[in-house]
Amino acid sequence: MNGVWPRRLAWIGGLLGLLVALLVFAPASWLASGVTSATNGQLQLVNARGTVWNGQADLVLTGGSGSRSQTALPQGVQWRLAPRLVSGTPAMGLRLTAPCCTPEPIDITLLPGLGSAEMRIARSSSIWPAELLSGLGTPWNTLRVEGQLTLRTEGLSVRWDNGRASLQGEAAIEAHDLASRLSTLRPLGSYRMNIRADAEGNTTTLDLQTLSGALQLQGSGRWVGGRLRFEGVAQAAPNAEEALGNLLNIMGRRQGARSLLNIG
C-alpha cells in the first residue's frame, strides 16, 4: 500500500505536467482551426507558427466552403493572447498586429460566458488594402475594388447570445481613392460608412456618404435581429455618365441615371 500512493502521485504529477505543457505550448494551428470553424472558412489563418498564446500566420479571406476566391493580407498577422481580469471577471486579452496595416496593435478583450460571449475592441485606427475584399466572393470578386480602407473603432463590442450576434458602440470605415476593374475611370471616389449601435445592442444603423469623386454613393440601413436592410443610390457626377455606365448597371437596378442599391 505504501508503494502504491507514490506511484499514483507520480502518475498524477506527470498528467498535470503534461496538461500544463499542452496549455502553455499549444500550437498556433489549434487557434487557426478554431478561427476557420467560427467563420465558416471565410477567415483563415494559414501557415500558423508559434503557439496559441504567441504566434503569427498568413491571413486569408475566402468566399467560404466551395469558393475559389481568396486573397491574402501582405505580411500576415501576429498575436499575443493572455488571461486578464475585467471588473473581477476572468477574460482573455488579445493584441493583434498586422505589419502592413496597424500603426499600433489592436487591443481586444474576449469575455466567455454560458451560452454567450463578448468581444470588446478598444479604440483603434487601422488601414487595410481594399483588394482584400475580392477574396470574399460575390460581388467583390466581380468589382475587384482597389484603394485603401481606414477602420476606426470607438468602444465597439460584439456580443453573441445563443448564436445571435449584436453590436454596441461606434465604428467608421473610410474608403479612399477606390477604383474598379469595371471602369476605366480612376479613381472612382472616396466614401465613408458610419456604424452606430444602441446601448442595448438591439439596433445598428449604417450611413453611407460620398466624400469626393465621380461615382456618388449615398444610403442608409439598419441591422436588426441579425438581418441587414440597406437602401441606397449610386449615380455618376456630371460628365461621367458614359464612363460609369457599365459599373452602375452591375451595382443595382437602374432607374434612369441612377442605380438603386438594396440589401435585405
C-alpha atoms as a PDB file:
ATOM      1  CA  MET A   1       0.000   0.000   0.000  1.00  0.00           C
ATOM      2  CA  ASN A   2       2.820   2.352   0.876  1.00  0.00           C
ATOM      3  CA  GLY A   3       4.350   1.850  -2.564  1.00  0.00           C
ATOM      4  CA  VAL A   4       1.037   2.392  -4.395  1.00  0.00           C
ATOM      5  CA  TRP A   5       0.469   6.001  -3.377  1.00  0.00           C
ATOM      6  CA  PRO A   6       3.876   7.294  -4.508  1.00  0.00           C
ATOM      7  CA  ARG A   7       3.297   5.683  -7.907  1.00  0.00           C
ATOM      8  CA  ARG A   8      -0.176   7.197  -8.114  1.00  0.00           C
ATOM      9  CA  LEU A   9       1.123  10.597  -7.131  1.00  0.00           C
ATOM     10  CA  ALA A  10       3.843  10.275  -9.750  1.00  0.00           C
ATOM     11  CA  TRP A  11       1.232   9.470 -12.397  1.00  0.00           C
ATOM     12  CA  ILE A  12      -0.969  12.375 -11.275  1.00  0.00           C
ATOM     13  CA  GLY A  13       2.013  14.729 -11.284  1.00  0.00           C
ATOM     14  CA  GLY A  14       3.018  13.536 -14.735  1.00  0.00           C
ATOM     15  CA  LEU A  15      -0.500  14.036 -16.116  1.00  0.00           C
ATOM     16  CA  LEU A  16      -0.726  17.505 -14.578  1.00  0.00           C
ATOM     17  CA  GLY A  17       2.652  18.397 -16.061  1.00  0.00           C
ATOM     18  CA  LEU A  18       1.507  17.158 -19.455  1.00  0.00           C
ATOM     19  CA  LEU A  19      -1.694  19.212 -19.180  1.00  0.00           C
ATOM     20  CA  VAL A  20       0.251  22.343 -18.264  1.00  0.00           C
ATOM     21  CA  ALA A  21       2.664  21.741 -21.140  1.00  0.00           C
ATOM     22  CA  LEU A  22      -0.268  21.346 -23.553  1.00  0.00           C
ATOM     23  CA  LEU A  23      -1.785  24.608 -22.334  1.00  0.00           C
ATOM     24  CA  VAL A  24       1.464  26.567 -22.422  1.00  0.00           C
ATOM     25  CA  PHE A  25       2.814  25.188 -25.668  1.00  0.00           C
ATOM     26  CA  ALA A  26      -0.487  24.604 -27.502  1.00  0.00           C
ATOM     27  CA  PRO A  27       0.356  25.032 -31.201  1.00  0.00           C
ATOM     28  CA  ALA A  28      -0.896  28.029 -33.142  1.00  0.00           C
ATOM     29  CA  SER A  29      -2.613  25.634 -35.544  1.00  0.00           C
ATOM     30  CA  TRP A  30      -5.229  24.962 -32.844  1.00  0.00           C
ATOM     31  CA  LEU A  31      -6.217  28.617 -32.863  1.00  0.00           C
ATOM     32  CA  ALA A  32      -6.192  28.639 -36.673  1.00  0.00           C
ATOM     33  CA  SER A  33      -8.618  25.707 -36.773  1.00  0.00           C
ATOM     34  CA  GLY A  34     -10.946  27.472 -34.338  1.00  0.00           C
ATOM     35  CA  VAL A  35     -10.972  30.676 -36.409  1.00  0.00           C
ATOM     36  CA  THR A  36     -11.724  28.769 -39.614  1.00  0.00           C
ATOM     37  CA  SER A  37     -14.587  26.903 -37.951  1.00  0.00           C
ATOM     38  CA  ALA A  38     -16.079  30.013 -36.304  1.00  0.00           C
ATOM     39  CA  THR A  39     -16.104  31.986 -39.595  1.00  0.00           C
ATOM     40  CA  ASN A  40     -17.267  29.123 -41.837  1.00  0.00           C
ATOM     41  CA  GLY A  41     -13.942  29.261 -43.632  1.00  0.00           C
ATOM     42  CA  GLN A  42     -14.219  32.898 -44.725  1.00  0.00           C
ATOM     43  CA  LEU A  43     -11.362  33.983 -42.437  1.00  0.00           C
ATOM     44  CA  GLN A  44      -8.375  31.644 -42.287  1.00  0.00           C
ATOM     45  CA  LEU A  45      -5.014  31.709 -40.520  1.00  0.00           C
ATOM     46  CA  VAL A  46      -2.728  29.800 -42.895  1.00  0.00           C
ATOM     47  CA  ASN A  47       0.790  28.559 -42.119  1.00  0.00           C
ATOM     48  CA  ALA A  48       0.267  29.309 -38.428  1.00  0.00           C
ATOM     49  CA  ARG A  49       3.520  29.365 -36.422  1.00  0.00           C
ATOM     50  CA  GLY A  50       4.273  29.631 -32.729  1.00  0.00           C
ATOM     51  CA  THR A  51       1.703  28.902 -30.034  1.00  0.00           C
ATOM     52  CA  VAL A  52      -1.899  29.754 -29.274  1.00  0.00           C
ATOM     53  CA  TRP A  53      -0.535  32.420 -26.894  1.00  0.00           C
ATOM     54  CA  ASN A  54       2.129  33.985 -29.095  1.00  0.00           C
ATOM     55  CA  GLY A  55       2.060  33.314 -32.816  1.00  0.00           C
ATOM     56  CA  GLN A  56       1.772  34.521 -36.355  1.00  0.00           C
ATOM     57  CA  ALA A  57       0.103  33.386 -39.567  1.00  0.00           C
ATOM     58  CA  ASP A  58      -0.849  34.382 -43.086  1.00  0.00           C
ATOM     59  CA  LEU A  59      -4.355  35.866 -43.078  1.00  0.00           C
ATOM     60  CA  VAL A  60      -6.575  34.738 -45.956  1.00  0.00           C
ATOM     61  CA  LEU A  61     -10.139  35.771 -46.847  1.00  0.00           C
ATOM     62  CA  THR A  62     -12.300  33.401 -48.885  1.00  0.00           C
ATOM     63  CA  GLY A  63     -15.870  33.115 -50.081  1.00  0.00           C
ATOM     64  CA  GLY A  64     -16.420  30.181 -47.728  1.00  0.00           C
ATOM     65  CA  SER A  65     -16.814  26.466 -48.352  1.00  0.00           C
ATOM     66  CA  GLY A  66     -16.515  25.584 -52.042  1.00  0.00           C
ATOM     67  CA  SER A  67     -15.435  29.076 -53.095  1.00  0.00           C
ATOM     68  CA  ARG A  68     -12.417  29.535 -55.336  1.00  0.00           C
ATOM     69  CA  SER A  69     -11.990  33.188 -54.407  1.00  0.00           C
ATOM     70  CA  GLN A  70      -9.298  34.031 -51.903  1.00  0.00           C
ATOM     71  CA  THR A  71      -6.928  36.872 -51.076  1.00  0.00           C
ATOM     72  CA  ALA A  72      -4.060  37.094 -48.594  1.00  0.00           C
ATOM     73  CA  LEU A  73      -3.048  40.019 -46.408  1.00  0.00           C
ATOM     74  CA  PRO A  74       0.533  41.157 -47.132  1.00  0.00           C
ATOM     75  CA  GLN A  75       2.903  40.117 -44.301  1.00  0.00           C
ATOM     76  CA  GLY A  76       0.140  38.337 -42.387  1.00  0.00           C
ATOM     77  CA  VAL A  77      -0.791  38.913 -38.736  1.00  0.00           C
ATOM     78  CA  GLN A  78       0.798  38.416 -35.314  1.00  0.00           C
ATOM     79  CA  TRP A  79      -0.958  37.935 -31.976  1.00  0.00           C
ATOM     80  CA  ARG A  80      -0.419  37.748 -28.234  1.00  0.00           C
ATOM     81  CA  LEU A  81      -3.074  36.125 -26.062  1.00  0.00           C
ATOM     82  CA  ALA A  82      -3.080  36.269 -22.249  1.00  0.00           C
ATOM     83  CA  PRO A  83      -5.572  35.919 -19.365  1.00  0.00           C
ATOM     84  CA  ARG A  84      -6.806  39.107 -17.731  1.00  0.00           C
ATOM     85  CA  LEU A  85      -9.466  40.273 -15.284  1.00  0.00           C
ATOM     86  CA  VAL A  86     -12.236  42.672 -16.320  1.00  0.00           C
ATOM     87  CA  SER A  87     -14.134  44.027 -13.293  1.00  0.00           C
ATOM     88  CA  GLY A  88     -13.240  40.844 -11.463  1.00  0.00           C
ATOM     89  CA  THR A  89     -14.420  38.611 -14.313  1.00  0.00           C
ATOM     90  CA  PRO A  90     -11.921  36.236 -15.978  1.00  0.00           C
ATOM     91  CA  ALA A  91     -11.294  37.178 -19.612  1.00  0.00           C
ATOM     92  CA  MET A  92      -8.696  36.858 -22.361  1.00  0.00           C
ATOM     93  CA  GLY A  93      -6.719  39.769 -23.762  1.00  0.00           C
ATOM     94  CA  LEU A  94      -5.696  39.710 -27.407  1.00  0.00           C
ATOM     95  CA  ARG A  95      -3.188  42.098 -29.007  1.00  0.00           C
ATOM     96  CA  LEU A  96      -3.393  41.827 -32.776  1.00  0.00           C
ATOM     97  CA  THR A  97      -0.751  43.262 -35.104  1.00  0.00           C
ATOM     98  CA  ALA A  98      -0.694  43.395 -38.899  1.00  0.00           C
ATOM     99  CA  PRO A  99       2.658  44.837 -40.053  1.00  0.00           C
ATOM    100  CA  CYS A 100       1.079  46.268 -43.212  1.00  0.00           C
ATOM    101  CA  CYS A 101      -1.958  47.827 -41.636  1.00  0.00           C
ATOM    102  CA  THR A 102      -1.910  48.573 -37.894  1.00  0.00           C
ATOM    103  CA  PRO A 103       0.234  51.540 -36.793  1.00  0.00           C
ATOM    104  CA  GLU A 104      -0.463  50.335 -33.248  1.00  0.00           C
ATOM    105  CA  PRO A 105      -1.635  46.890 -32.092  1.00  0.00           C
ATOM    106  CA  ILE A 106      -5.396  46.395 -31.859  1.00  0.00           C
ATOM    107  CA  ASP A 107      -6.383  45.574 -28.262  1.00  0.00           C
ATOM    108  CA  ILE A 108      -9.270  43.104 -27.971  1.00  0.00           C
ATOM    109  CA  THR A 109     -10.871  41.643 -24.843  1.00  0.00           C
ATOM    110  CA  LEU A 110     -12.701  38.315 -25.045  1.00  0.00           C
ATOM    111  CA  LEU A 111     -15.252  37.536 -22.324  1.00  0.00           C
ATOM    112  CA  PRO A 112     -16.650  33.990 -22.430  1.00  0.00           C
ATOM    113  CA  GLY A 113     -19.899  33.025 -20.716  1.00  0.00           C
ATOM    114  CA  LEU A 114     -22.508  30.274 -20.503  1.00  0.00           C
ATOM    115  CA  GLY A 115     -24.295  30.325 -23.854  1.00  0.00           C
ATOM    116  CA  SER A 116     -22.832  33.746 -24.595  1.00  0.00           C
ATOM    117  CA  ALA A 117     -19.597  35.547 -25.408  1.00  0.00           C
ATOM    118  CA  GLU A 118     -18.453  39.131 -25.909  1.00  0.00           C
ATOM    119  CA  MET A 119     -15.604  40.697 -27.860  1.00  0.00           C
ATOM    120  CA  ARG A 120     -14.624  44.266 -26.947  1.00  0.00           C
ATOM    121  CA  ILE A 121     -12.429  46.212 -29.356  1.00  0.00           C
ATOM    122  CA  ALA A 122     -10.592  49.159 -27.835  1.00  0.00           C
ATOM    123  CA  ARG A 123     -10.362  52.487 -29.613  1.00  0.00           C
ATOM    124  CA  SER A 124      -8.214  51.890 -32.675  1.00  0.00           C
ATOM    125  CA  SER A 125      -7.345  53.040 -36.192  1.00  0.00           C
ATOM    126  CA  SER A 126      -6.014  50.817 -38.960  1.00  0.00           C
ATOM    127  CA  ILE A 127      -5.554  50.924 -42.748  1.00  0.00           C
ATOM    128  CA  TRP A 128      -6.294  47.899 -44.955  1.00  0.00           C
ATOM    129  CA  PRO A 129      -5.987  47.215 -48.693  1.00  0.00           C
ATOM    130  CA  ALA A 130      -9.399  47.218 -50.385  1.00  0.00           C
ATOM    131  CA  GLU A 131      -8.140  44.448 -52.699  1.00  0.00           C
ATOM    132  CA  LEU A 132      -8.508  42.076 -49.749  1.00  0.00           C
ATOM    133  CA  LEU A 133     -12.317  42.141 -50.178  1.00  0.00           C
ATOM    134  CA  SER A 134     -12.102  40.289 -53.504  1.00  0.00           C
ATOM    135  CA  GLY A 135     -11.468  37.079 -51.618  1.00  0.00           C
ATOM    136  CA  LEU A 136     -14.967  37.152 -50.100  1.00  0.00           C
ATOM    137  CA  GLY A 137     -16.562  36.166 -53.406  1.00  0.00           C
ATOM    138  CA  THR A 138     -19.660  37.779 -54.944  1.00  0.00           C
ATOM    139  CA  PRO A 139     -19.949  40.711 -55.542  1.00  0.00           C
ATOM    140  CA  TRP A 140     -16.414  41.681 -54.512  1.00  0.00           C
ATOM    141  CA  ASN A 141     -14.640  39.313 -56.898  1.00  0.00           C
ATOM    142  CA  THR A 142     -16.588  40.941 -59.741  1.00  0.00           C
ATOM    143  CA  LEU A 143     -15.998  44.538 -58.697  1.00  0.00           C
ATOM    144  CA  ARG A 144     -12.289  43.955 -57.903  1.00  0.00           C
ATOM    145  CA  VAL A 145     -12.001  47.171 -55.926  1.00  0.00           C
ATOM    146  CA  GLU A 146      -8.644  48.814 -55.251  1.00  0.00           C
ATOM    147  CA  GLY A 147      -7.699  51.519 -52.777  1.00  0.00           C
ATOM    148  CA  GLN A 148      -7.377  51.909 -49.018  1.00  0.00           C
ATOM    149  CA  LEU A 149      -9.857  51.194 -46.240  1.00  0.00           C
ATOM    150  CA  THR A 150      -9.424  53.035 -42.948  1.00  0.00           C
ATOM    151  CA  LEU A 151     -11.192  51.412 -39.993  1.00  0.00           C
ATOM    152  CA  ARG A 152     -11.770  53.368 -36.787  1.00  0.00           C
ATOM    153  CA  THR A 153     -13.483  51.899 -33.743  1.00  0.00           C
ATOM    154  CA  GLU A 154     -14.863  53.731 -30.732  1.00  0.00           C
ATOM    155  CA  GLY A 155     -15.907  51.493 -27.845  1.00  0.00           C
ATOM    156  CA  LEU A 156     -17.078  48.773 -30.221  1.00  0.00           C
ATOM    157  CA  SER A 157     -18.191  45.397 -28.889  1.00  0.00           C
ATOM    158  CA  VAL A 158     -19.764  42.310 -30.423  1.00  0.00           C
ATOM    159  CA  ARG A 159     -21.893  40.019 -28.272  1.00  0.00           C
ATOM    160  CA  TRP A 160     -23.197  36.536 -29.007  1.00  0.00           C
ATOM    161  CA  ASP A 161     -26.207  35.176 -27.103  1.00  0.00           C
ATOM    162  CA  ASN A 162     -27.317  31.684 -28.060  1.00  0.00           C
ATOM    163  CA  GLY A 163     -25.756  32.131 -31.501  1.00  0.00           C
ATOM    164  CA  ARG A 164     -27.294  35.566 -32.124  1.00  0.00           C
ATOM    165  CA  ALA A 165     -24.871  38.459 -32.649  1.00  0.00           C
ATOM    166  CA  SER A 166     -25.414  42.085 -31.635  1.00  0.00           C
ATOM    167  CA  LEU A 167     -23.248  45.223 -31.752  1.00  0.00           C
ATOM    168  CA  GLN A 168     -22.665  48.071 -29.327  1.00  0.00           C
ATOM    169  CA  GLY A 169     -20.636  51.243 -29.846  1.00  0.00           C
ATOM    170  CA  GLU A 170     -19.418  53.003 -32.974  1.00  0.00           C
ATOM    171  CA  ALA A 171     -17.156  52.386 -35.931  1.00  0.00           C
ATOM    172  CA  ALA A 172     -16.372  54.174 -39.179  1.00  0.00           C
ATOM    173  CA  ILE A 173     -14.956  52.863 -42.437  1.00  0.00           C
ATOM    174  CA  GLU A 174     -13.459  55.290 -44.932  1.00  0.00           C
ATOM    175  CA  ALA A 175     -12.631  54.105 -48.450  1.00  0.00           C
ATOM    176  CA  HIS A 176     -10.063  56.326 -50.127  1.00  0.00           C
ATOM    177  CA  ASP A 177      -9.416  56.594 -53.880  1.00  0.00           C
ATOM    178  CA  LEU A 178     -11.389  53.484 -54.790  1.00  0.00           C
ATOM    179  CA  ALA A 179     -11.068  52.010 -58.266  1.00  0.00           C
ATOM    180  CA  SER A 180     -12.635  49.013 -60.012  1.00  0.00           C
ATOM    181  CA  ARG A 181     -11.671  46.867 -62.952  1.00  0.00           C
ATOM    182  CA  LEU A 182     -15.179  47.507 -64.314  1.00  0.00           C
ATOM    183  CA  SER A 183     -14.426  51.163 -65.008  1.00  0.00           C
ATOM    184  CA  THR A 184     -11.601  52.960 -66.767  1.00  0.00           C
ATOM    185  CA  LEU A 185     -12.235  55.993 -64.566  1.00  0.00           C
ATOM    186  CA  ARG A 186      -9.647  56.009 -61.769  1.00  0.00           C
ATOM    187  CA  PRO A 187     -10.186  56.756 -59.008  1.00  0.00           C
ATOM    188  CA  LEU A 188     -13.956  56.463 -58.637  1.00  0.00           C
ATOM    189  CA  GLY A 189     -14.058  58.391 -55.371  1.00  0.00           C
ATOM    190  CA  SER A 190     -13.748  58.291 -51.592  1.00  0.00           C
ATOM    191  CA  TYR A 191     -16.530  57.277 -49.189  1.00  0.00           C
ATOM    192  CA  ARG A 192     -17.425  56.959 -45.523  1.00  0.00           C
ATOM    193  CA  MET A 193     -19.643  54.447 -43.741  1.00  0.00           C
ATOM    194  CA  ASN A 194     -20.669  55.256 -40.159  1.00  0.00           C
ATOM    195  CA  ILE A 195     -21.854  52.379 -37.987  1.00  0.00           C
ATOM    196  CA  ARG A 196     -23.655  53.076 -34.711  1.00  0.00           C
ATOM    197  CA  ALA A 197     -25.303  50.627 -32.313  1.00  0.00           C
ATOM    198  CA  ASP A 198     -27.556  51.487 -29.393  1.00  0.00           C
ATOM    199  CA  ALA A 199     -26.552  50.684 -25.819  1.00  0.00           C
ATOM    200  CA  GLU A 200     -28.841  47.638 -25.693  1.00  0.00           C
ATOM    201  CA  GLY A 201     -27.435  46.252 -28.941  1.00  0.00           C
ATOM    202  CA  ASN A 202     -30.917  45.854 -30.448  1.00  0.00           C
ATOM    203  CA  THR A 203     -30.459  48.118 -33.470  1.00  0.00           C
ATOM    204  CA  THR A 204     -27.412  49.029 -35.541  1.00  0.00           C
ATOM    205  CA  THR A 205     -27.653  51.850 -38.077  1.00  0.00           C
ATOM    206  CA  LEU A 206     -25.447  52.409 -41.112  1.00  0.00           C
ATOM    207  CA  ASP A 207     -24.973  55.661 -43.008  1.00  0.00           C
ATOM    208  CA  LEU A 208     -23.091  55.839 -46.323  1.00  0.00           C
ATOM    209  CA  GLN A 209     -21.914  59.116 -47.844  1.00  0.00           C
ATOM    210  CA  THR A 210     -19.593  60.297 -50.600  1.00  0.00           C
ATOM    211  CA  LEU A 211     -16.555  62.319 -49.600  1.00  0.00           C
ATOM    212  CA  SER A 212     -15.400  63.055 -53.151  1.00  0.00           C
ATOM    213  CA  GLY A 213     -15.347  61.567 -56.651  1.00  0.00           C
ATOM    214  CA  ALA A 214     -17.263  60.919 -59.856  1.00  0.00           C
ATOM    215  CA  LEU A 215     -19.174  57.894 -58.520  1.00  0.00           C
ATOM    216  CA  GLN A 216     -21.564  59.300 -55.947  1.00  0.00           C
ATOM    217  CA  LEU A 217     -22.965  56.941 -53.317  1.00  0.00           C
ATOM    218  CA  GLN A 218     -25.402  57.526 -50.502  1.00  0.00           C
ATOM    219  CA  GLY A 219     -27.660  55.352 -48.412  1.00  0.00           C
ATOM    220  CA  SER A 220     -28.675  54.127 -45.002  1.00  0.00           C
ATOM    221  CA  GLY A 221     -29.553  50.866 -43.358  1.00  0.00           C
ATOM    222  CA  ARG A 222     -30.397  49.035 -40.169  1.00  0.00           C
ATOM    223  CA  TRP A 223     -29.150  45.772 -38.731  1.00  0.00           C
ATOM    224  CA  VAL A 224     -31.989  44.313 -36.672  1.00  0.00           C
ATOM    225  CA  GLY A 225     -32.286  40.782 -35.331  1.00  0.00           C
ATOM    226  CA  GLY A 226     -29.217  39.605 -37.239  1.00  0.00           C
ATOM    227  CA  ARG A 227     -30.565  40.814 -40.602  1.00  0.00           C
ATOM    228  CA  LEU A 228     -29.255  43.746 -42.632  1.00  0.00           C
ATOM    229  CA  ARG A 229     -31.578  46.010 -44.593  1.00  0.00           C
ATOM    230  CA  PHE A 230     -29.872  48.698 -46.653  1.00  0.00           C
ATOM    231  CA  GLU A 231     -31.174  51.091 -49.283  1.00  0.00           C
ATOM    232  CA  GLY A 232     -29.033  53.480 -51.268  1.00  0.00           C
ATOM    233  CA  VAL A 233     -28.417  55.213 -54.571  1.00  0.00           C
ATOM    234  CA  ALA A 234     -25.409  55.264 -56.891  1.00  0.00           C
ATOM    235  CA  GLN A 235     -25.091  57.810 -59.672  1.00  0.00           C
ATOM    236  CA  ALA A 236     -22.455  59.449 -61.794  1.00  0.00           C
ATOM    237  CA  ALA A 237     -21.339  63.039 -61.449  1.00  0.00           C
ATOM    238  CA  PRO A 238     -21.985  65.284 -64.469  1.00  0.00           C
ATOM    239  CA  ASN A 239     -19.810  64.359 -67.488  1.00  0.00           C
ATOM    240  CA  ALA A 240     -19.011  60.898 -66.002  1.00  0.00           C
ATOM    241  CA  GLU A 241     -22.188  59.014 -67.034  1.00  0.00           C
ATOM    242  CA  GLU A 242     -20.635  57.228 -70.012  1.00  0.00           C
ATOM    243  CA  ALA A 243     -17.505  56.130 -68.133  1.00  0.00           C
ATOM    244  CA  LEU A 244     -19.546  54.728 -65.238  1.00  0.00           C
ATOM    245  CA  GLY A 245     -22.485  53.238 -67.163  1.00  0.00           C
ATOM    246  CA  ASN A 246     -21.300  49.613 -67.030  1.00  0.00           C
ATOM    247  CA  LEU A 247     -20.458  49.793 -63.339  1.00  0.00           C
ATOM    248  CA  LEU A 248     -23.841  51.315 -62.467  1.00  0.00           C
ATOM    249  CA  ASN A 249     -25.620  48.514 -64.352  1.00  0.00           C
ATOM    250  CA  ILE A 250     -23.891  45.908 -62.196  1.00  0.00           C
ATOM    251  CA  MET A 251     -24.201  47.675 -58.847  1.00  0.00           C
ATOM    252  CA  GLY A 252     -28.004  47.666 -58.737  1.00  0.00           C
ATOM    253  CA  ARG A 253     -31.317  48.153 -60.522  1.00  0.00           C
ATOM    254  CA  ARG A 254     -31.203  51.066 -62.916  1.00  0.00           C
ATOM    255  CA  GLN A 255     -33.715  53.871 -62.602  1.00  0.00           C
ATOM    256  CA  GLY A 256     -32.805  56.432 -65.228  1.00  0.00           C
ATOM    257  CA  ALA A 257     -29.357  57.817 -64.465  1.00  0.00           C
ATOM    258  CA  ARG A 258     -29.316  56.231 -61.030  1.00  0.00           C
ATOM    259  CA  SER A 259     -28.692  52.718 -59.767  1.00  0.00           C
ATOM    260  CA  LEU A 260     -30.743  51.593 -56.761  1.00  0.00           C
ATOM    261  CA  LEU A 261     -28.839  49.669 -54.090  1.00  0.00           C
ATOM    262  CA  ASN A 262     -30.829  47.204 -51.980  1.00  0.00           C
ATOM    263  CA  ILE A 263     -29.692  44.603 -49.467  1.00  0.00           C
ATOM    264  CA  GLY A 264     -32.147  42.507 -47.462  1.00  0.00           C
END
